[in-house]
C-alpha atoms as a PDB file:
ATOM      1  CA  MET A   1      -2.704  18.664  -9.461  1.00  0.00           C
ATOM      2  CA  CYS A   2      -5.358  19.655  -6.986  1.00  0.00           C
ATOM      3  CA  TRP A   3      -7.128  22.982  -7.193  1.00  0.00           C
ATOM      4  CA  ASN A   4      -9.964  25.103  -5.921  1.00  0.00           C
ATOM      5  CA  GLU A   5     -12.035  27.626  -7.855  1.00  0.00           C
ATOM      6  CA  ASP A   6     -11.474  30.407  -5.297  1.00  0.00           C
ATOM      7  CA  LEU A   7      -7.789  30.513  -4.470  1.00  0.00           C
ATOM      8  CA  SER A   8      -8.014  33.741  -2.452  1.00  0.00           C
ATOM      9  CA  SER A   9      -8.229  31.942   0.891  1.00  0.00           C
ATOM     10  CA  TYR A  10      -5.750  29.172   0.076  1.00  0.00           C
ATOM     11  CA  PRO A  11      -3.524  27.561   0.953  1.00  0.00           C
ATOM     12  CA  LYS A  12      -5.025  26.844   4.323  1.00  0.00           C
ATOM     13  CA  THR A  13      -2.503  26.785   7.105  1.00  0.00           C
ATOM     14  CA  TYR A  14      -4.631  24.637   9.410  1.00  0.00           C
ATOM     15  CA  PRO A  15      -7.787  22.558   8.987  1.00  0.00           C
ATOM     16  CA  GLU A  16     -11.206  23.755  10.041  1.00  0.00           C
ATOM     17  CA  TYR A  17     -14.155  21.859  11.485  1.00  0.00           C
ATOM     18  CA  GLY A  18     -15.488  19.421   8.866  1.00  0.00           C
ATOM     19  CA  ASP A  19     -12.446  19.542   6.575  1.00  0.00           C
ATOM     20  CA  ILE A  20     -11.129  16.385   4.941  1.00  0.00           C
ATOM     21  CA  ILE A  21      -7.482  15.891   5.830  1.00  0.00           C
ATOM     22  CA  CYS A  22      -4.970  13.382   4.542  1.00  0.00           C
ATOM     23  CA  VAL A  23      -1.489  12.256   5.422  1.00  0.00           C
ATOM     24  CA  ASP A  24       1.019  10.484   3.203  1.00  0.00           C
ATOM     25  CA  ARG A  25       1.999   7.062   4.449  1.00  0.00           C
ATOM     26  CA  TYR A  26       5.268   6.966   2.532  1.00  0.00           C
ATOM     27  CA  TRP A  27       6.463   3.688   3.987  1.00  0.00           C
ATOM     28  CA  ILE A  28       3.558   1.882   2.325  1.00  0.00           C
ATOM     29  CA  ALA A  29       2.871   4.363  -0.494  1.00  0.00           C
ATOM     30  CA  TYR A  30      -0.682   5.505   0.114  1.00  0.00           C
ATOM     31  CA  GLU A  31      -2.617   8.428   1.577  1.00  0.00           C
ATOM     32  CA  HIS A  32      -4.760   8.115   4.695  1.00  0.00           C
ATOM     33  CA  TYR A  33      -7.894  10.290   4.979  1.00  0.00           C
ATOM     34  CA  GLY A  34      -9.986  11.521   7.883  1.00  0.00           C
ATOM     35  CA  ILE A  35     -12.485  14.192   8.849  1.00  0.00           C
ATOM     36  CA  TYR A  36     -11.123  16.918  11.101  1.00  0.00           C
ATOM     37  CA  VAL A  37     -13.355  17.881  14.014  1.00  0.00           C
ATOM     38  CA  SER A  38     -10.712  19.310  16.354  1.00  0.00           C
ATOM     39  CA  ASP A  39      -7.153  18.583  17.460  1.00  0.00           C
ATOM     40  CA  ASP A  40      -8.743  16.136  19.885  1.00  0.00           C
ATOM     41  CA  ARG A  41     -10.996  14.470  17.322  1.00  0.00           C
ATOM     42  CA  VAL A  42     -10.456  13.165  13.787  1.00  0.00           C
ATOM     43  CA  ILE A  43     -12.903  10.594  12.440  1.00  0.00           C
ATOM     44  CA  HIS A  44     -11.294   8.044  10.154  1.00  0.00           C
ATOM     45  CA  TYR A  45     -11.602   4.538   8.767  1.00  0.00           C
ATOM     46  CA  GLY A  46      -8.602   2.515   9.846  1.00  0.00           C
ATOM     47  CA  LYS A  47      -7.301  -0.080  12.271  1.00  0.00           C
ATOM     48  CA  ASN A  48      -8.746   0.346  15.722  1.00  0.00           C
ATOM     49  CA  GLN A  49      -7.082  -0.519  19.035  1.00  0.00           C
ATOM     50  CA  HIS A  50      -8.146  -4.158  18.571  1.00  0.00           C
ATOM     51  CA  GLY A  51      -6.434  -4.404  15.168  1.00  0.00           C
ATOM     52  CA  LYS A  52      -9.724  -4.471  13.218  1.00  0.00           C
ATOM     53  CA  MET A  53     -10.739  -2.053  10.491  1.00  0.00           C
ATOM     54  CA  ALA A  54     -13.421   0.284  11.790  1.00  0.00           C
ATOM     55  CA  ILE A  55     -14.596   3.866  11.687  1.00  0.00           C
ATOM     56  CA  GLU A  56     -13.504   5.616  14.854  1.00  0.00           C
ATOM     57  CA  ALA A  57     -12.584   8.952  16.392  1.00  0.00           C
ATOM     58  CA  VAL A  58      -8.963   9.523  17.394  1.00  0.00           C
ATOM     59  CA  THR A  59      -6.828  12.546  18.252  1.00  0.00           C
ATOM     60  CA  LEU A  60      -5.064  14.439  15.493  1.00  0.00           C
ATOM     61  CA  ALA A  61      -1.732  13.126  16.825  1.00  0.00           C
ATOM     62  CA  GLU A  62      -3.000   9.538  16.635  1.00  0.00           C
ATOM     63  CA  PHE A  63      -4.289  10.121  13.106  1.00  0.00           C
ATOM     64  CA  LEU A  64      -0.935  11.580  11.982  1.00  0.00           C
ATOM     65  CA  ASP A  65       0.943   8.682  13.582  1.00  0.00           C
ATOM     66  CA  GLY A  66       4.207  10.599  13.764  1.00  0.00           C
ATOM     67  CA  ASP A  67       3.980  12.280  10.355  1.00  0.00           C
ATOM     68  CA  THR A  68       4.503  16.049  10.264  1.00  0.00           C
ATOM     69  CA  VAL A  69       3.380  16.802   6.690  1.00  0.00           C
ATOM     70  CA  TRP A  70      -0.311  16.478   5.913  1.00  0.00           C
ATOM     71  CA  TYR A  71      -2.947  18.084   3.721  1.00  0.00           C
ATOM     72  CA  VAL A  72      -6.328  19.776   3.814  1.00  0.00           C
ATOM     73  CA  CYS A  73      -8.435  18.644   0.836  1.00  0.00           C
ATOM     74  CA  ASN A  74     -10.601  21.260  -0.839  1.00  0.00           C
ATOM     75  CA  TYR A  75     -13.272  19.860  -3.104  1.00  0.00           C
ATOM     76  CA  PRO A  76     -14.114  21.860  -6.245  1.00  0.00           C
ATOM     77  CA  LYS A  77     -17.647  23.096  -6.737  1.00  0.00           C
ATOM     78  CA  TRP A  78     -18.066  20.933  -9.829  1.00  0.00           C
ATOM     79  CA  PRO A  79     -19.128  18.512 -11.192  1.00  0.00           C
ATOM     80  CA  SER A  80     -22.839  18.799 -10.715  1.00  0.00           C
ATOM     81  CA  GLU A  81     -23.086  15.101  -9.783  1.00  0.00           C
ATOM     82  CA  TYR A  82     -22.502  16.034  -6.169  1.00  0.00           C
ATOM     83  CA  LYS A  83     -23.185  18.779  -3.691  1.00  0.00           C
ATOM     84  CA  LEU A  84     -20.743  19.796  -1.012  1.00  0.00           C
ATOM     85  CA  ASN A  85     -22.131  19.114   2.440  1.00  0.00           C
ATOM     86  CA  SER A  86     -21.645  21.796   5.065  1.00  0.00           C
ATOM     87  CA  PRO A  87     -18.962  21.165   7.692  1.00  0.00           C
ATOM     88  CA  ALA A  88     -21.662  20.384  10.271  1.00  0.00           C
ATOM     89  CA  GLU A  89     -23.398  17.906   7.941  1.00  0.00           C
ATOM     90  CA  THR A  90     -20.061  16.306   7.024  1.00  0.00           C
ATOM     91  CA  VAL A  91     -19.268  15.726  10.706  1.00  0.00           C
ATOM     92  CA  ARG A  92     -22.833  14.548  11.468  1.00  0.00           C
ATOM     93  CA  ILE A  93     -22.612  11.899   8.751  1.00  0.00           C
ATOM     94  CA  ALA A  94     -19.139  10.829   9.894  1.00  0.00           C
ATOM     95  CA  GLU A  95     -20.298  10.550  13.514  1.00  0.00           C
ATOM     96  CA  SER A  96     -23.163   8.284  12.395  1.00  0.00           C
ATOM     97  CA  PHE A  97     -20.613   5.741  11.104  1.00  0.00           C
ATOM     98  CA  ILE A  98     -18.472   5.534  14.257  1.00  0.00           C
ATOM     99  CA  GLY A  99     -18.131   1.928  15.420  1.00  0.00           C
ATOM    100  CA  LYS A 100     -19.065   0.442  12.063  1.00  0.00           C
ATOM    101  CA  GLN A 101     -16.667  -1.737  10.121  1.00  0.00           C
ATOM    102  CA  THR A 102     -17.867  -0.611   6.708  1.00  0.00           C
ATOM    103  CA  ILE A 103     -19.671   2.232   5.011  1.00  0.00           C
ATOM    104  CA  ASP A 104     -21.896  -0.281   3.177  1.00  0.00           C
ATOM    105  CA  ILE A 105     -21.432   1.343  -0.173  1.00  0.00           C
ATOM    106  CA  TYR A 106     -21.156  -1.580  -2.551  1.00  0.00           C
ATOM    107  CA  ASP A 107     -21.882  -4.982  -1.127  1.00  0.00           C
ATOM    108  CA  ASN A 108     -22.394  -4.908   2.661  1.00  0.00           C
ATOM    109  CA  SER A 109     -19.389  -7.184   3.032  1.00  0.00           C
ATOM    110  CA  ASN A 110     -18.214  -5.507   6.250  1.00  0.00           C
ATOM    111  CA  GLU A 111     -14.696  -5.563   4.890  1.00  0.00           C
ATOM    112  CA  TYR A 112     -12.232  -2.825   4.127  1.00  0.00           C
ATOM    113  CA  TYR A 113     -10.803  -3.074   0.639  1.00  0.00           C
ATOM    114  CA  VAL A 114      -8.773  -0.597  -1.335  1.00  0.00           C
ATOM    115  CA  TRP A 115     -10.868  -0.506  -4.507  1.00  0.00           C
ATOM    116  CA  GLY A 116     -14.290   0.028  -3.012  1.00  0.00           C
ATOM    117  CA  ASN A 117     -14.406   0.509   0.751  1.00  0.00           C
ATOM    118  CA  ASN A 118     -11.480   2.534   2.097  1.00  0.00           C
ATOM    119  CA  CYS A 119     -10.769   5.656   4.159  1.00  0.00           C
ATOM    120  CA  GLU A 120     -11.058   7.931   1.119  1.00  0.00           C
ATOM    121  CA  HIS A 121     -14.428   6.401   0.151  1.00  0.00           C
ATOM    122  CA  PHE A 122     -15.564   7.099   3.723  1.00  0.00           C
ATOM    123  CA  THR A 123     -14.525  10.762   3.771  1.00  0.00           C
ATOM    124  CA  SER A 124     -15.938  11.546   0.330  1.00  0.00           C
ATOM    125  CA  LYS A 125     -19.206   9.818   1.275  1.00  0.00           C
ATOM    126  CA  CYS A 126     -19.425  12.201   4.240  1.00  0.00           C
ATOM    127  CA  LYS A 127     -18.346  15.328   2.311  1.00  0.00           C
ATOM    128  CA  ILE A 128     -20.119  14.929  -1.042  1.00  0.00           C
ATOM    129  CA  GLY A 129     -22.461  11.969  -0.557  1.00  0.00           C
ATOM    130  CA  ILE A 130     -20.566   9.854  -3.081  1.00  0.00           C
ATOM    131  CA  PRO A 131     -18.153   7.114  -1.969  1.00  0.00           C
ATOM    132  CA  TRP A 132     -15.279   7.927  -4.261  1.00  0.00           C
ATOM    133  CA  SER A 133     -11.530   7.289  -4.211  1.00  0.00           C
ATOM    134  CA  PRO A 134      -9.161   8.535  -6.906  1.00  0.00           C
ATOM    135  CA  GLN A 135      -6.428   6.725  -5.001  1.00  0.00           C
ATOM    136  CA  GLY A 136      -8.339   3.458  -5.146  1.00  0.00           C
ATOM    137  CA  SER A 137      -9.399   3.861  -8.757  1.00  0.00           C
ATOM    138  CA  GLY A 138      -6.162   5.383  -9.992  1.00  0.00           C
ATOM    139  CA  PHE A 139      -7.689   8.704 -11.151  1.00  0.00           C
ATOM    140  CA  LEU A 140      -7.438  12.276  -9.890  1.00  0.00           C
ATOM    141  CA  TRP A 141     -10.537  14.414 -10.039  1.00  0.00           C
ATOM    142  CA  GLY A 142      -9.499  17.942  -9.162  1.00  0.00           C
ATOM    143  CA  ILE A 143      -9.297  17.878  -5.380  1.00  0.00           C
ATOM    144  CA  ARG A 144      -6.816  20.446  -4.163  1.00  0.00           C
ATOM    145  CA  LYS A 145      -4.629  19.460  -1.225  1.00  0.00           C
ATOM    146  CA  ASP A 146      -3.014  22.253   0.786  1.00  0.00           C
ATOM    147  CA  ARG A 147       0.135  21.128   2.589  1.00  0.00           C
ATOM    148  CA  VAL A 148       0.285  21.611   6.359  1.00  0.00           C
ATOM    149  CA  LYS A 149       3.584  21.199   8.203  1.00  0.00           C
ATOM    150  CA  LEU A 150       3.754  21.018  11.979  1.00  0.00           C
END
């Protein structure tokens, strides 16, 4: 279902700096997204060590939480409504949100909610400047996910 215009370099076998990665959380039927910086640093929007939803940096192992199958998301170059940020810009934006409990995209409510303020909204906001979640809205929009197995 997901694709990329230039398939010559895909599938990726490991994420690169600034890539959006996701892992299936089969036991609760959703995907969890983060921004890969290194094996020691993935920035994501999830429960922190105090049990509150927040944007934080964790290790790749902490992000995967025991899962061994995960994906690198490759955004297509269309539609024209967005531009792909560089890996450095993606990480810079993500870093600016660390410690916050929301990405303030709809109503400044400081609350995580599936339909408008979730981990996928956070990563797409950093990557393309648009807080968007096919998972939350129930639509797929052409993002290719390359499977990575440890």
